[in-house]
Amino acid sequence: MDILIYLREGRQRLDAEIVAATGISLDDVRAALAILSRRGEISVCHAMRFTDGTKIEGMLCRANGLERKTAVSRRKKVKP
C-alpha cells in the first residue's frame, strides 16, 4: 500500500502506524515521508505519545489538502 494513499484514507498517523499498515521498514517510511514533505504533499511534525505509561516518539503525518469537517456552531441571534 502506498504511504500517501494510506494517509489520505484517514486522519493523522505516526510513522510506526504507517510501518505496521504498509509493511515497509521504518527507515524506508521515514525517507519517503521526508520526500513527500518536501513536495508539500504531507505535513510532518515530531510527536511524543504515552501509551500505557510507555513513551513513544515518532513522526506524526497527515496528507495536505484534505477537507476537515467543521464543528457545528450556534448561530448568533440577530438583534432588532
PDB file of N, CA and C in Angstrom:
ATOM      1  N   MET A   1       0.841  -1.176   0.000  1.00  0.00           N
ATOM      2  CA  MET A   1       0.000   0.000   0.000  1.00  0.00           C
ATOM      3  C   MET A   1       0.889   1.244   0.000  1.00  0.00           C
ATOM      4  N   ASP A   2       0.540   2.196  -0.796  1.00  0.00           N
ATOM      5  CA  ASP A   2       1.301   3.435  -0.901  1.00  0.00           C
ATOM      6  C   ASP A   2       1.079   4.286   0.342  1.00  0.00           C
ATOM      7  N   ILE A   3       2.119   4.932   0.813  1.00  0.00           N
ATOM      8  CA  ILE A   3       2.054   5.729   2.034  1.00  0.00           C
ATOM      9  C   ILE A   3       1.093   6.900   1.879  1.00  0.00           C
ATOM     10  N   LEU A   4       1.154   7.601   0.763  1.00  0.00           N
ATOM     11  CA  LEU A   4       0.291   8.762   0.564  1.00  0.00           C
ATOM     12  C   LEU A   4      -1.180   8.350   0.505  1.00  0.00           C
ATOM     13  N   ILE A   5      -1.462   7.258  -0.153  1.00  0.00           N
ATOM     14  CA  ILE A   5      -2.844   6.752  -0.210  1.00  0.00           C
ATOM     15  C   ILE A   5      -3.325   6.400   1.193  1.00  0.00           C
ATOM     16  N   TYR A   6      -2.469   5.763   1.964  1.00  0.00           N
ATOM     17  CA  TYR A   6      -2.822   5.389   3.331  1.00  0.00           C
ATOM     18  C   TYR A   6      -3.120   6.628   4.178  1.00  0.00           C
ATOM     19  N   LEU A   7      -2.329   7.682   4.029  1.00  0.00           N
ATOM     20  CA  LEU A   7      -2.566   8.902   4.793  1.00  0.00           C
ATOM     21  C   LEU A   7      -3.839   9.612   4.340  1.00  0.00           C
ATOM     22  N   ARG A   8      -4.177   9.521   3.081  1.00  0.00           N
ATOM     23  CA  ARG A   8      -5.388  10.173   2.589  1.00  0.00           C
ATOM     24  C   ARG A   8      -6.654   9.441   3.015  1.00  0.00           C
ATOM     25  N   GLU A   9      -6.527   8.190   3.379  1.00  0.00           N
ATOM     26  CA  GLU A   9      -7.695   7.418   3.809  1.00  0.00           C
ATOM     27  C   GLU A   9      -8.205   7.846   5.174  1.00  0.00           C
ATOM     28  N   GLY A  10      -7.346   8.378   5.993  1.00  0.00           N
ATOM     29  CA  GLY A  10      -7.783   8.669   7.356  1.00  0.00           C
ATOM     30  C   GLY A  10      -7.168   9.910   7.935  1.00  0.00           C
ATOM     31  N   ARG A  11      -7.076   9.888   9.222  1.00  0.00           N
ATOM     32  CA  ARG A  11      -6.559  11.034   9.953  1.00  0.00           C
ATOM     33  C   ARG A  11      -5.034  10.995   9.992  1.00  0.00           C
ATOM     34  N   GLN A  12      -4.462  11.756  10.886  1.00  0.00           N
ATOM     35  CA  GLN A  12      -3.011  11.760  11.009  1.00  0.00           C
ATOM     36  C   GLN A  12      -2.520  10.463  11.640  1.00  0.00           C
ATOM     37  N   ARG A  13      -1.322  10.064  11.276  1.00  0.00           N
ATOM     38  CA  ARG A  13      -0.755   8.795  11.733  1.00  0.00           C
ATOM     39  C   ARG A  13       0.692   8.964  12.147  1.00  0.00           C
ATOM     40  N   LEU A  14       1.110   8.149  13.099  1.00  0.00           N
ATOM     41  CA  LEU A  14       2.516   8.074  13.472  1.00  0.00           C
ATOM     42  C   LEU A  14       3.257   7.213  12.465  1.00  0.00           C
ATOM     43  N   ASP A  15       4.561   7.430  12.334  1.00  0.00           N
ATOM     44  CA  ASP A  15       5.341   6.638  11.397  1.00  0.00           C
ATOM     45  C   ASP A  15       5.292   5.144  11.739  1.00  0.00           C
ATOM     46  N   ALA A  16       5.203   4.810  13.015  1.00  0.00           N
ATOM     47  CA  ALA A  16       5.116   3.398  13.411  1.00  0.00           C
ATOM     48  C   ALA A  16       3.801   2.767  12.944  1.00  0.00           C
ATOM     49  N   GLU A  17       2.724   3.550  12.925  1.00  0.00           N
ATOM     50  CA  GLU A  17       1.442   3.054  12.422  1.00  0.00           C
ATOM     51  C   GLU A  17       1.512   2.814  10.918  1.00  0.00           C
ATOM     52  N   ILE A  18       2.226   3.675  10.216  1.00  0.00           N
ATOM     53  CA  ILE A  18       2.388   3.510   8.765  1.00  0.00           C
ATOM     54  C   ILE A  18       3.191   2.250   8.476  1.00  0.00           C
ATOM     55  N   VAL A  19       4.235   2.003   9.271  1.00  0.00           N
ATOM     56  CA  VAL A  19       5.056   0.795   9.117  1.00  0.00           C
ATOM     57  C   VAL A  19       4.195  -0.447   9.302  1.00  0.00           C
ATOM     58  N   ALA A  20       3.361  -0.452  10.348  1.00  0.00           N
ATOM     59  CA  ALA A  20       2.522  -1.613  10.636  1.00  0.00           C
ATOM     60  C   ALA A  20       1.492  -1.856   9.536  1.00  0.00           C
ATOM     61  N   ALA A  21       0.961  -0.789   8.958  1.00  0.00           N
ATOM     62  CA  ALA A  21      -0.080  -0.934   7.940  1.00  0.00           C
ATOM     63  C   ALA A  21       0.471  -1.292   6.563  1.00  0.00           C
ATOM     64  N   THR A  22       1.654  -0.785   6.237  1.00  0.00           N
ATOM     65  CA  THR A  22       2.181  -0.978   4.890  1.00  0.00           C
ATOM     66  C   THR A  22       3.186  -2.110   4.774  1.00  0.00           C
ATOM     67  N   GLY A  23       3.834  -2.449   5.888  1.00  0.00           N
ATOM     68  CA  GLY A  23       4.843  -3.497   5.842  1.00  0.00           C
ATOM     69  C   GLY A  23       6.197  -3.021   5.335  1.00  0.00           C
ATOM     70  N   ILE A  24       6.357  -1.719   5.203  1.00  0.00           N
ATOM     71  CA  ILE A  24       7.620  -1.121   4.757  1.00  0.00           C
ATOM     72  C   ILE A  24       8.482  -0.880   5.992  1.00  0.00           C
ATOM     73  N   SER A  25       9.789  -0.969   5.859  1.00  0.00           N
ATOM     74  CA  SER A  25      10.675  -0.751   7.012  1.00  0.00           C
ATOM     75  C   SER A  25      10.600   0.694   7.486  1.00  0.00           C
ATOM     76  N   LEU A  26      10.941   0.910   8.748  1.00  0.00           N
ATOM     77  CA  LEU A  26      10.867   2.234   9.345  1.00  0.00           C
ATOM     78  C   LEU A  26      11.788   3.225   8.637  1.00  0.00           C
ATOM     79  N   ASP A  27      12.985   2.803   8.271  1.00  0.00           N
ATOM     80  CA  ASP A  27      13.918   3.695   7.563  1.00  0.00           C
ATOM     81  C   ASP A  27      13.361   4.114   6.210  1.00  0.00           C
ATOM     82  N   ASP A  28      12.768   3.168   5.488  1.00  0.00           N
ATOM     83  CA  ASP A  28      12.192   3.483   4.174  1.00  0.00           C
ATOM     84  C   ASP A  28      10.978   4.401   4.308  1.00  0.00           C
ATOM     85  N   VAL A  29      10.165   4.175   5.345  1.00  0.00           N
ATOM     86  CA  VAL A  29       8.996   5.032   5.569  1.00  0.00           C
ATOM     87  C   VAL A  29       9.442   6.449   5.877  1.00  0.00           C
ATOM     88  N   ARG A  30      10.435   6.592   6.737  1.00  0.00           N
ATOM     89  CA  ARG A  30      10.912   7.934   7.090  1.00  0.00           C
ATOM     90  C   ARG A  30      11.527   8.653   5.895  1.00  0.00           C
ATOM     91  N   ALA A  31      12.222   7.924   5.043  1.00  0.00           N
ATOM     92  CA  ALA A  31      12.790   8.530   3.830  1.00  0.00           C
ATOM     93  C   ALA A  31      11.670   8.985   2.890  1.00  0.00           C
ATOM     94  N   ALA A  32      10.644   8.159   2.735  1.00  0.00           N
ATOM     95  CA  ALA A  32       9.513   8.520   1.875  1.00  0.00           C
ATOM     96  C   ALA A  32       8.744   9.700   2.445  1.00  0.00           C
ATOM     97  N   LEU A  33       8.590   9.748   3.764  1.00  0.00           N
ATOM     98  CA  LEU A  33       7.892  10.869   4.397  1.00  0.00           C
ATOM     99  C   LEU A  33       8.656  12.172   4.194  1.00  0.00           C
ATOM    100  N   ALA A  34       9.979  12.111   4.247  1.00  0.00           N
ATOM    101  CA  ALA A  34      10.791  13.302   4.016  1.00  0.00           C
ATOM    102  C   ALA A  34      10.604  13.823   2.590  1.00  0.00           C
ATOM    103  N   ILE A  35      10.559  12.927   1.632  1.00  0.00           N
ATOM    104  CA  ILE A  35      10.352  13.320   0.234  1.00  0.00           C
ATOM    105  C   ILE A  35       8.965  13.926   0.047  1.00  0.00           C
ATOM    106  N   LEU A  36       7.940  13.271   0.601  1.00  0.00           N
ATOM    107  CA  LEU A  36       6.572  13.772   0.477  1.00  0.00           C
ATOM    108  C   LEU A  36       6.411  15.123   1.168  1.00  0.00           C
ATOM    109  N   SER A  37       7.105  15.317   2.262  1.00  0.00           N
ATOM    110  CA  SER A  37       7.045  16.592   2.972  1.00  0.00           C
ATOM    111  C   SER A  37       7.695  17.702   2.159  1.00  0.00           C
ATOM    112  N   ARG A  38       8.829  17.416   1.542  1.00  0.00           N
ATOM    113  CA  ARG A  38       9.499  18.423   0.702  1.00  0.00           C
ATOM    114  C   ARG A  38       8.638  18.810  -0.485  1.00  0.00           C
ATOM    115  N   ARG A  39       7.873  17.864  -1.020  1.00  0.00           N
ATOM    116  CA  ARG A  39       6.979  18.147  -2.147  1.00  0.00           C
ATOM    117  C   ARG A  39       5.740  18.932  -1.710  1.00  0.00           C
ATOM    118  N   GLY A  40       5.467  18.963  -0.406  1.00  0.00           N
ATOM    119  CA  GLY A  40       4.293  19.661   0.097  1.00  0.00           C
ATOM    120  C   GLY A  40       3.034  18.816   0.087  1.00  0.00           C
ATOM    121  N   GLU A  41       3.180  17.510  -0.094  1.00  0.00           N
ATOM    122  CA  GLU A  41       2.013  16.640  -0.141  1.00  0.00           C
ATOM    123  C   GLU A  41       1.538  16.215   1.238  1.00  0.00           C
ATOM    124  N   ILE A  42       2.426  16.280   2.238  1.00  0.00           N
ATOM    125  CA  ILE A  42       2.046  15.928   3.601  1.00  0.00           C
ATOM    126  C   ILE A  42       2.629  16.943   4.572  1.00  0.00           C
ATOM    127  N   SER A  43       2.059  16.980   5.757  1.00  0.00           N
ATOM    128  CA  SER A  43       2.613  17.781   6.860  1.00  0.00           C
ATOM    129  C   SER A  43       3.179  16.816   7.882  1.00  0.00           C
ATOM    130  N   VAL A  44       4.354  17.130   8.397  1.00  0.00           N
ATOM    131  CA  VAL A  44       5.034  16.251   9.341  1.00  0.00           C
ATOM    132  C   VAL A  44       5.476  17.058  10.552  1.00  0.00           C
ATOM    133  N   CYS A  45       5.311  16.484  11.723  1.00  0.00           N
ATOM    134  CA  CYS A  45       5.872  17.075  12.929  1.00  0.00           C
ATOM    135  C   CYS A  45       6.344  15.935  13.832  1.00  0.00           C
ATOM    136  N   HIS A  46       7.249  16.249  14.712  1.00  0.00           N
ATOM    137  CA  HIS A  46       7.741  15.246  15.651  1.00  0.00           C
ATOM    138  C   HIS A  46       6.812  15.238  16.851  1.00  0.00           C
ATOM    139  N   ALA A  47       6.413  14.035  17.266  1.00  0.00           N
ATOM    140  CA  ALA A  47       5.430  13.908  18.334  1.00  0.00           C
ATOM    141  C   ALA A  47       5.876  12.892  19.368  1.00  0.00           C
ATOM    142  N   MET A  48       5.292  13.025  20.545  1.00  0.00           N
ATOM    143  CA  MET A  48       5.552  12.103  21.628  1.00  0.00           C
ATOM    144  C   MET A  48       4.190  11.703  22.203  1.00  0.00           C
ATOM    145  N   ARG A  49       3.958  10.400  22.330  1.00  0.00           N
ATOM    146  CA  ARG A  49       2.720   9.897  22.912  1.00  0.00           C
ATOM    147  C   ARG A  49       3.050   8.967  24.059  1.00  0.00           C
ATOM    148  N   PHE A  50       2.130   8.865  24.971  1.00  0.00           N
ATOM    149  CA  PHE A  50       2.268   7.919  26.071  1.00  0.00           C
ATOM    150  C   PHE A  50       1.132   6.913  25.975  1.00  0.00           C
ATOM    151  N   THR A  51       1.487   5.645  25.789  1.00  0.00           N
ATOM    152  CA  THR A  51       0.518   4.574  25.707  1.00  0.00           C
ATOM    153  C   THR A  51       0.795   3.601  26.842  1.00  0.00           C
ATOM    154  N   ASP A  52      -0.140   3.504  27.758  1.00  0.00           N
ATOM    155  CA  ASP A  52       0.007   2.643  28.936  1.00  0.00           C
ATOM    156  C   ASP A  52       1.302   2.947  29.687  1.00  0.00           C
ATOM    157  N   GLY A  53       1.643   4.219  29.798  1.00  0.00           N
ATOM    158  CA  GLY A  53       2.838   4.630  30.520  1.00  0.00           C
ATOM    159  C   GLY A  53       4.130   4.507  29.737  1.00  0.00           C
ATOM    160  N   THR A  54       4.060   4.030  28.495  1.00  0.00           N
ATOM    161  CA  THR A  54       5.239   3.881  27.659  1.00  0.00           C
ATOM    162  C   THR A  54       5.362   5.087  26.731  1.00  0.00           C
ATOM    163  N   LYS A  55       6.530   5.694  26.715  1.00  0.00           N
ATOM    164  CA  LYS A  55       6.784   6.859  25.873  1.00  0.00           C
ATOM    165  C   LYS A  55       7.074   6.393  24.452  1.00  0.00           C
ATOM    166  N   ILE A  56       6.321   6.944  23.491  1.00  0.00           N
ATOM    167  CA  ILE A  56       6.512   6.611  22.078  1.00  0.00           C
ATOM    168  C   ILE A  56       6.802   7.908  21.333  1.00  0.00           C
ATOM    169  N   GLU A  57       7.977   7.985  20.716  1.00  0.00           N
ATOM    170  CA  GLU A  57       8.348   9.148  19.925  1.00  0.00           C
ATOM    171  C   GLU A  57       8.342   8.768  18.453  1.00  0.00           C
ATOM    172  N   GLY A  58       7.920   9.700  17.614  1.00  0.00           N
ATOM    173  CA  GLY A  58       7.896   9.413  16.188  1.00  0.00           C
ATOM    174  C   GLY A  58       7.523  10.647  15.396  1.00  0.00           C
ATOM    175  N   MET A  59       7.278  10.428  14.135  1.00  0.00           N
ATOM    176  CA  MET A  59       6.873  11.491  13.230  1.00  0.00           C
ATOM    177  C   MET A  59       5.373  11.364  13.016  1.00  0.00           C
ATOM    178  N   LEU A  60       4.638  12.433  13.254  1.00  0.00           N
ATOM    179  CA  LEU A  60       3.202  12.464  13.065  1.00  0.00           C
ATOM    180  C   LEU A  60       2.932  13.094  11.713  1.00  0.00           C
ATOM    181  N   CYS A  61       2.175  12.401  10.864  1.00  0.00           N
ATOM    182  CA  CYS A  61       1.987  12.840   9.483  1.00  0.00           C
ATOM    183  C   CYS A  61       0.514  12.897   9.126  1.00  0.00           C
ATOM    184  N   ARG A  62       0.186  13.809   8.217  1.00  0.00           N
ATOM    185  CA  ARG A  62      -1.148  13.842   7.633  1.00  0.00           C
ATOM    186  C   ARG A  62      -1.040  14.389   6.222  1.00  0.00           C
ATOM    187  N   ALA A  63      -1.959  13.965   5.380  1.00  0.00           N
ATOM    188  CA  ALA A  63      -1.953  14.415   3.992  1.00  0.00           C
ATOM    189  C   ALA A  63      -2.492  15.835   3.906  1.00  0.00           C
ATOM    190  N   ASN A  64      -1.891  16.647   3.073  1.00  0.00           N
ATOM    191  CA  ASN A  64      -2.369  18.011   2.851  1.00  0.00           C
ATOM    192  C   ASN A  64      -3.510  18.000   1.849  1.00  0.00           C
ATOM    193  N   GLY A  65      -4.363  18.999   1.963  1.00  0.00           N
ATOM    194  CA  GLY A  65      -5.443  19.142   1.009  1.00  0.00           C
ATOM    195  C   GLY A  65      -6.697  18.382   1.358  1.00  0.00           C
ATOM    196  N   LEU A  66      -6.743  17.753   2.519  1.00  0.00           N
ATOM    197  CA  LEU A  66      -7.953  17.045   2.910  1.00  0.00           C
ATOM    198  C   LEU A  66      -8.931  18.026   3.536  1.00  0.00           C
ATOM    199  N   GLU A  67     -10.208  17.823   3.230  1.00  0.00           N
ATOM    200  CA  GLU A  67     -11.221  18.669   3.832  1.00  0.00           C
ATOM    201  C   GLU A  67     -11.460  18.209   5.257  1.00  0.00           C
ATOM    202  N   ARG A  68     -11.525  19.155   6.138  1.00  0.00           N
ATOM    203  CA  ARG A  68     -11.826  18.838   7.525  1.00  0.00           C
ATOM    204  C   ARG A  68     -13.292  19.113   7.783  1.00  0.00           C
ATOM    205  N   LYS A  69     -13.901  18.275   8.576  1.00  0.00           N
ATOM    206  CA  LYS A  69     -15.275  18.530   8.970  1.00  0.00           C
ATOM    207  C   LYS A  69     -15.256  19.612  10.036  1.00  0.00           C
ATOM    208  N   THR A  70     -16.043  20.639   9.810  1.00  0.00           N
ATOM    209  CA  THR A  70     -16.073  21.720  10.777  1.00  0.00           C
ATOM    210  C   THR A  70     -17.129  21.433  11.825  1.00  0.00           C
ATOM    211  N   ALA A  71     -16.889  21.924  12.990  1.00  0.00           N
ATOM    212  CA  ALA A  71     -17.837  21.736  14.081  1.00  0.00           C
ATOM    213  C   ALA A  71     -19.068  22.606  13.844  1.00  0.00           C
ATOM    214  N   VAL A  72     -20.185  22.095  14.235  1.00  0.00           N
ATOM    215  CA  VAL A  72     -21.425  22.851  14.109  1.00  0.00           C
ATOM    216  C   VAL A  72     -21.472  23.842  15.261  1.00  0.00           C
ATOM    217  N   SER A  73     -21.678  25.081  14.923  1.00  0.00           N
ATOM    218  CA  SER A  73     -21.717  26.115  15.963  1.00  0.00           C
ATOM    219  C   SER A  73     -23.107  26.738  16.011  1.00  0.00           C
ATOM    220  N   ARG A  74     -23.366  27.381  17.094  1.00  0.00           N
ATOM    221  CA  ARG A  74     -24.650  28.056  17.248  1.00  0.00           C
ATOM    222  C   ARG A  74     -24.675  29.300  16.383  1.00  0.00           C
ATOM    223  N   ARG A  75     -25.833  29.578  15.884  1.00  0.00           N
ATOM    224  CA  ARG A  75     -25.995  30.822  15.133  1.00  0.00           C
ATOM    225  C   ARG A  75     -26.166  31.966  16.102  1.00  0.00           C
ATOM    226  N   LYS A  76     -25.610  33.077  15.735  1.00  0.00           N
ATOM    227  CA  LYS A  76     -25.775  34.250  16.571  1.00  0.00           C
ATOM    228  C   LYS A  76     -27.181  34.825  16.335  1.00  0.00           C
ATOM    229  N   LYS A  77     -27.801  35.231  17.418  1.00  0.00           N
ATOM    230  CA  LYS A  77     -29.129  35.806  17.306  1.00  0.00           C
ATOM    231  C   LYS A  77     -29.008  37.223  16.777  1.00  0.00           C
ATOM    232  N   VAL A  78     -29.880  37.546  15.865  1.00  0.00           N
ATOM    233  CA  VAL A  78     -29.890  38.880  15.273  1.00  0.00           C
ATOM    234  C   VAL A  78     -30.727  39.774  16.164  1.00  0.00           C
ATOM    235  N   LYS A  79     -30.148  40.857  16.613  1.00  0.00           N
ATOM    236  CA  LYS A  79     -30.881  41.805  17.460  1.00  0.00           C
ATOM    237  C   LYS A  79     -31.551  42.841  16.599  1.00  0.00           C
ATOM    238  N   PRO A  80     -32.815  43.096  16.878  1.00  0.00           N
ATOM    239  CA  PRO A  80     -33.538  44.088  16.043  1.00  0.00           C
ATOM    240  C   PRO A  80     -33.120  45.505  16.308  1.00  0.00           C
TER     241      PRO A  80
END
